[in-house]
Amino acid sequence: MTRTEHLTRDQVEQQRAAILARLELSAEELHRRGEAGELVGDEWLAWAEVNDLTFLLGE
């Protein structure tokens, strides 16, 4: 069974900010490196997570 969580916009923004802080990258830099295929290891998962969170935020 799938677990569902209801998050506020602030919580989603905080999750995205935490991921970017952990990588020490801006959203723009992560996006640029992802599009260029320059990510390594866990950065790929972080890129997907940030993209998903950005989609949920409607940005």
PDB file of N, CA and C in Angstrom:
ATOM      1  N   MET A   1       0.829  -1.168   0.000  1.00  0.00           N
ATOM      2  CA  MET A   1       0.000   0.000   0.000  1.00  0.00           C
ATOM      3  C   MET A   1       0.884   1.245   0.000  1.00  0.00           C
ATOM      4  N   THR A   2       0.505   2.212  -0.780  1.00  0.00           N
ATOM      5  CA  THR A   2       1.246   3.462  -0.890  1.00  0.00           C
ATOM      6  C   THR A   2       0.911   4.383   0.268  1.00  0.00           C
ATOM      7  N   ARG A   3       1.955   4.966   0.848  1.00  0.00           N
ATOM      8  CA  ARG A   3       1.775   5.921   1.929  1.00  0.00           C
ATOM      9  C   ARG A   3       1.648   7.314   1.331  1.00  0.00           C
ATOM     10  N   THR A   4       0.672   8.062   1.782  1.00  0.00           N
ATOM     11  CA  THR A   4       0.425   9.406   1.281  1.00  0.00           C
ATOM     12  C   THR A   4       0.665  10.416   2.391  1.00  0.00           C
ATOM     13  N   GLU A   5       1.358  11.483   2.048  1.00  0.00           N
ATOM     14  CA  GLU A   5       1.583  12.562   2.999  1.00  0.00           C
ATOM     15  C   GLU A   5       1.021  13.841   2.420  1.00  0.00           C
ATOM     16  N   HIS A   6       0.453  14.648   3.263  1.00  0.00           N
ATOM     17  CA  HIS A   6      -0.046  15.962   2.860  1.00  0.00           C
ATOM     18  C   HIS A   6       0.922  16.996   3.414  1.00  0.00           C
ATOM     19  N   LEU A   7       1.576  17.713   2.504  1.00  0.00           N
ATOM     20  CA  LEU A   7       2.562  18.702   2.904  1.00  0.00           C
ATOM     21  C   LEU A   7       2.095  20.097   2.504  1.00  0.00           C
ATOM     22  N   THR A   8       2.476  21.052   3.305  1.00  0.00           N
ATOM     23  CA  THR A   8       2.192  22.437   2.953  1.00  0.00           C
ATOM     24  C   THR A   8       3.224  22.909   1.936  1.00  0.00           C
ATOM     25  N   ARG A   9       2.919  24.015   1.288  1.00  0.00           N
ATOM     26  CA  ARG A   9       3.871  24.601   0.334  1.00  0.00           C
ATOM     27  C   ARG A   9       5.199  24.900   1.029  1.00  0.00           C
ATOM     28  N   ASP A  10       5.136  25.416   2.242  1.00  0.00           N
ATOM     29  CA  ASP A  10       6.354  25.719   2.997  1.00  0.00           C
ATOM     30  C   ASP A  10       7.192  24.467   3.236  1.00  0.00           C
ATOM     31  N   GLN A  11       6.554  23.359   3.559  1.00  0.00           N
ATOM     32  CA  GLN A  11       7.274  22.117   3.793  1.00  0.00           C
ATOM     33  C   GLN A  11       7.966  21.618   2.526  1.00  0.00           C
ATOM     34  N   VAL A  12       7.284  21.748   1.391  1.00  0.00           N
ATOM     35  CA  VAL A  12       7.879  21.329   0.117  1.00  0.00           C
ATOM     36  C   VAL A  12       9.070  22.227  -0.212  1.00  0.00           C
ATOM     37  N   GLU A  13       8.916  23.530  -0.009  1.00  0.00           N
ATOM     38  CA  GLU A  13      10.021  24.458  -0.257  1.00  0.00           C
ATOM     39  C   GLU A  13      11.200  24.167   0.671  1.00  0.00           C
ATOM     40  N   GLN A  14      10.911  23.811   1.921  1.00  0.00           N
ATOM     41  CA  GLN A  14      11.972  23.474   2.875  1.00  0.00           C
ATOM     42  C   GLN A  14      12.710  22.208   2.459  1.00  0.00           C
ATOM     43  N   GLN A  15      11.976  21.218   1.958  1.00  0.00           N
ATOM     44  CA  GLN A  15      12.619  19.986   1.489  1.00  0.00           C
ATOM     45  C   GLN A  15      13.562  20.292   0.331  1.00  0.00           C
ATOM     46  N   ARG A  16      13.085  21.102  -0.611  1.00  0.00           N
ATOM     47  CA  ARG A  16      13.915  21.462  -1.764  1.00  0.00           C
ATOM     48  C   ARG A  16      15.160  22.221  -1.305  1.00  0.00           C
ATOM     49  N   ALA A  17      14.992  23.172  -0.401  1.00  0.00           N
ATOM     50  CA  ALA A  17      16.122  23.952   0.104  1.00  0.00           C
ATOM     51  C   ALA A  17      17.129  23.069   0.835  1.00  0.00           C
ATOM     52  N   ALA A  18      16.646  22.087   1.573  1.00  0.00           N
ATOM     53  CA  ALA A  18      17.535  21.185   2.305  1.00  0.00           C
ATOM     54  C   ALA A  18      18.375  20.342   1.346  1.00  0.00           C
ATOM     55  N   ILE A  19      17.766  19.872   0.288  1.00  0.00           N
ATOM     56  CA  ILE A  19      18.500  19.086  -0.713  1.00  0.00           C
ATOM     57  C   ILE A  19      19.595  19.942  -1.343  1.00  0.00           C
ATOM     58  N   LEU A  20      19.239  21.162  -1.745  1.00  0.00           N
ATOM     59  CA  LEU A  20      20.217  22.053  -2.373  1.00  0.00           C
ATOM     60  C   LEU A  20      21.333  22.427  -1.399  1.00  0.00           C
ATOM     61  N   ALA A  21      21.000  22.647  -0.150  1.00  0.00           N
ATOM     62  CA  ALA A  21      22.014  22.983   0.859  1.00  0.00           C
ATOM     63  C   ALA A  21      22.969  21.817   1.068  1.00  0.00           C
ATOM     64  N   ARG A  22      22.429  20.610   1.090  1.00  0.00           N
ATOM     65  CA  ARG A  22      23.268  19.423   1.271  1.00  0.00           C
ATOM     66  C   ARG A  22      24.277  19.306   0.131  1.00  0.00           C
ATOM     67  N   LEU A  23      23.869  19.652  -1.083  1.00  0.00           N
ATOM     68  CA  LEU A  23      24.758  19.572  -2.244  1.00  0.00           C
ATOM     69  C   LEU A  23      25.627  20.814  -2.408  1.00  0.00           C
ATOM     70  N   GLU A  24      25.294  21.875  -1.646  1.00  0.00           N
ATOM     71  CA  GLU A  24      25.978  23.162  -1.756  1.00  0.00           C
ATOM     72  C   GLU A  24      25.895  23.701  -3.180  1.00  0.00           C
ATOM     73  N   LEU A  25      24.680  23.606  -3.775  1.00  0.00           N
ATOM     74  CA  LEU A  25      24.418  24.096  -5.126  1.00  0.00           C
ATOM     75  C   LEU A  25      23.148  24.934  -5.125  1.00  0.00           C
ATOM     76  N   SER A  26      23.081  25.873  -6.048  1.00  0.00           N
ATOM     77  CA  SER A  26      21.829  26.599  -6.260  1.00  0.00           C
ATOM     78  C   SER A  26      20.938  25.735  -7.148  1.00  0.00           C
ATOM     79  N   ALA A  27      19.662  26.062  -7.191  1.00  0.00           N
ATOM     80  CA  ALA A  27      18.738  25.329  -8.059  1.00  0.00           C
ATOM     81  C   ALA A  27      19.166  25.467  -9.515  1.00  0.00           C
ATOM     82  N   GLU A  28      19.606  26.646  -9.888  1.00  0.00           N
ATOM     83  CA  GLU A  28      20.032  26.896 -11.267  1.00  0.00           C
ATOM     84  C   GLU A  28      21.260  26.060 -11.629  1.00  0.00           C
ATOM     85  N   GLU A  29      22.235  26.014 -10.717  1.00  0.00           N
ATOM     86  CA  GLU A  29      23.452  25.235 -10.966  1.00  0.00           C
ATOM     87  C   GLU A  29      23.143  23.741 -11.048  1.00  0.00           C
ATOM     88  N   LEU A  30      22.287  23.252 -10.164  1.00  0.00           N
ATOM     89  CA  LEU A  30      21.908  21.838 -10.208  1.00  0.00           C
ATOM     90  C   LEU A  30      21.210  21.523 -11.525  1.00  0.00           C
ATOM     91  N   HIS A  31      20.311  22.403 -11.953  1.00  0.00           N
ATOM     92  CA  HIS A  31      19.600  22.198 -13.207  1.00  0.00           C
ATOM     93  C   HIS A  31      20.576  22.198 -14.391  1.00  0.00           C
ATOM     94  N   ARG A  32      21.478  23.171 -14.421  1.00  0.00           N
ATOM     95  CA  ARG A  32      22.443  23.267 -15.510  1.00  0.00           C
ATOM     96  C   ARG A  32      23.320  22.015 -15.590  1.00  0.00           C
ATOM     97  N   ARG A  33      23.821  21.584 -14.440  1.00  0.00           N
ATOM     98  CA  ARG A  33      24.686  20.398 -14.418  1.00  0.00           C
ATOM     99  C   ARG A  33      23.909  19.145 -14.790  1.00  0.00           C
ATOM    100  N   GLY A  34      22.648  19.060 -14.352  1.00  0.00           N
ATOM    101  CA  GLY A  34      21.833  17.908 -14.710  1.00  0.00           C
ATOM    102  C   GLY A  34      21.563  17.846 -16.201  1.00  0.00           C
ATOM    103  N   GLU A  35      21.210  18.971 -16.788  1.00  0.00           N
ATOM    104  CA  GLU A  35      20.950  19.027 -18.233  1.00  0.00           C
ATOM    105  C   GLU A  35      22.204  18.690 -19.035  1.00  0.00           C
ATOM    106  N   ALA A  36      23.377  19.048 -18.507  1.00  0.00           N
ATOM    107  CA  ALA A  36      24.644  18.789 -19.190  1.00  0.00           C
ATOM    108  C   ALA A  36      25.179  17.387 -18.905  1.00  0.00           C
ATOM    109  N   GLY A  37      24.509  16.643 -18.018  1.00  0.00           N
ATOM    110  CA  GLY A  37      24.961  15.300 -17.671  1.00  0.00           C
ATOM    111  C   GLY A  37      26.217  15.297 -16.821  1.00  0.00           C
ATOM    112  N   GLU A  38      26.412  16.357 -16.046  1.00  0.00           N
ATOM    113  CA  GLU A  38      27.623  16.513 -15.243  1.00  0.00           C
ATOM    114  C   GLU A  38      27.460  16.092 -13.784  1.00  0.00           C
ATOM    115  N   LEU A  39      26.345  15.498 -13.431  1.00  0.00           N
ATOM    116  CA  LEU A  39      26.120  15.090 -12.038  1.00  0.00           C
ATOM    117  C   LEU A  39      26.789  13.751 -11.772  1.00  0.00           C
ATOM    118  N   VAL A  40      27.111  13.510 -10.509  1.00  0.00           N
ATOM    119  CA  VAL A  40      27.722  12.243 -10.117  1.00  0.00           C
ATOM    120  C   VAL A  40      27.003  11.679  -8.895  1.00  0.00           C
ATOM    121  N   GLY A  41      26.947  10.375  -8.815  1.00  0.00           N
ATOM    122  CA  GLY A  41      26.417   9.692  -7.643  1.00  0.00           C
ATOM    123  C   GLY A  41      25.042  10.156  -7.206  1.00  0.00           C
ATOM    124  N   ASP A  42      24.965  10.534  -5.936  1.00  0.00           N
ATOM    125  CA  ASP A  42      23.697  10.941  -5.331  1.00  0.00           C
ATOM    126  C   ASP A  42      23.134  12.227  -5.912  1.00  0.00           C
ATOM    127  N   GLU A  43      23.954  12.964  -6.649  1.00  0.00           N
ATOM    128  CA  GLU A  43      23.450  14.194  -7.260  1.00  0.00           C
ATOM    129  C   GLU A  43      22.322  13.906  -8.240  1.00  0.00           C
ATOM    130  N   TRP A  44      22.364  12.755  -8.898  1.00  0.00           N
ATOM    131  CA  TRP A  44      21.292  12.396  -9.840  1.00  0.00           C
ATOM    132  C   TRP A  44      19.961  12.226  -9.114  1.00  0.00           C
ATOM    133  N   LEU A  45      19.991  11.549  -7.986  1.00  0.00           N
ATOM    134  CA  LEU A  45      18.766  11.370  -7.200  1.00  0.00           C
ATOM    135  C   LEU A  45      18.272  12.716  -6.682  1.00  0.00           C
ATOM    136  N   ALA A  46      19.187  13.536  -6.217  1.00  0.00           N
ATOM    137  CA  ALA A  46      18.818  14.866  -5.721  1.00  0.00           C
ATOM    138  C   ALA A  46      18.210  15.694  -6.842  1.00  0.00           C
ATOM    139  N   TRP A  47      18.760  15.604  -8.046  1.00  0.00           N
ATOM    140  CA  TRP A  47      18.231  16.346  -9.193  1.00  0.00           C
ATOM    141  C   TRP A  47      16.788  15.938  -9.479  1.00  0.00           C
ATOM    142  N   ALA A  48      16.531  14.627  -9.449  1.00  0.00           N
ATOM    143  CA  ALA A  48      15.171  14.132  -9.683  1.00  0.00           C
ATOM    144  C   ALA A  48      14.228  14.614  -8.582  1.00  0.00           C
ATOM    145  N   GLU A  49      14.684  14.564  -7.333  1.00  0.00           N
ATOM    146  CA  GLU A  49      13.848  15.002  -6.216  1.00  0.00           C
ATOM    147  C   GLU A  49      13.537  16.491  -6.317  1.00  0.00           C
ATOM    148  N   VAL A  50      14.534  17.301  -6.639  1.00  0.00           N
ATOM    149  CA  VAL A  50      14.323  18.745  -6.775  1.00  0.00           C
ATOM    150  C   VAL A  50      13.353  19.021  -7.922  1.00  0.00           C
ATOM    151  N   ASN A  51      13.510  18.308  -9.027  1.00  0.00           N
ATOM    152  CA  ASN A  51      12.586  18.482 -10.155  1.00  0.00           C
ATOM    153  C   ASN A  51      11.165  18.116  -9.758  1.00  0.00           C
ATOM    154  N   ASP A  52      10.998  17.031  -9.016  1.00  0.00           N
ATOM    155  CA  ASP A  52       9.662  16.625  -8.557  1.00  0.00           C
ATOM    156  C   ASP A  52       9.055  17.675  -7.628  1.00  0.00           C
ATOM    157  N   LEU A  53       9.859  18.187  -6.703  1.00  0.00           N
ATOM    158  CA  LEU A  53       9.365  19.197  -5.770  1.00  0.00           C
ATOM    159  C   LEU A  53       9.020  20.497  -6.493  1.00  0.00           C
ATOM    160  N   THR A  54       9.829  20.863  -7.470  1.00  0.00           N
ATOM    161  CA  THR A  54       9.562  22.064  -8.253  1.00  0.00           C
ATOM    162  C   THR A  54       8.247  21.902  -9.012  1.00  0.00           C
ATOM    163  N   PHE A  55       8.018  20.710  -9.556  1.00  0.00           N
ATOM    164  CA  PHE A  55       6.745  20.430 -10.251  1.00  0.00           C
ATOM    165  C   PHE A  55       5.570  20.580  -9.286  1.00  0.00           C
ATOM    166  N   LEU A  56       5.705  20.023  -8.084  1.00  0.00           N
ATOM    167  CA  LEU A  56       4.617  20.118  -7.102  1.00  0.00           C
ATOM    168  C   LEU A  56       4.324  21.575  -6.727  1.00  0.00           C
ATOM    169  N   LEU A  57       5.365  22.403  -6.758  1.00  0.00           N
ATOM    170  CA  LEU A  57       5.201  23.820  -6.435  1.00  0.00           C
ATOM    171  C   LEU A  57       4.628  24.616  -7.606  1.00  0.00           C
ATOM    172  N   GLY A  58       4.536  23.986  -8.767  1.00  0.00           N
ATOM    173  CA  GLY A  58       3.987  24.654  -9.937  1.00  0.00           C
ATOM    174  C   GLY A  58       4.938  25.665 -10.543  1.00  0.00           C
ATOM    175  N   GLU A  59       6.214  25.444 -10.343  1.00  0.00           N
ATOM    176  CA  GLU A  59       7.220  26.394 -10.861  1.00  0.00           C
ATOM    177  C   GLU A  59       7.874  25.858 -12.110  1.00  0.00           C
TER     178      GLU A  59
END
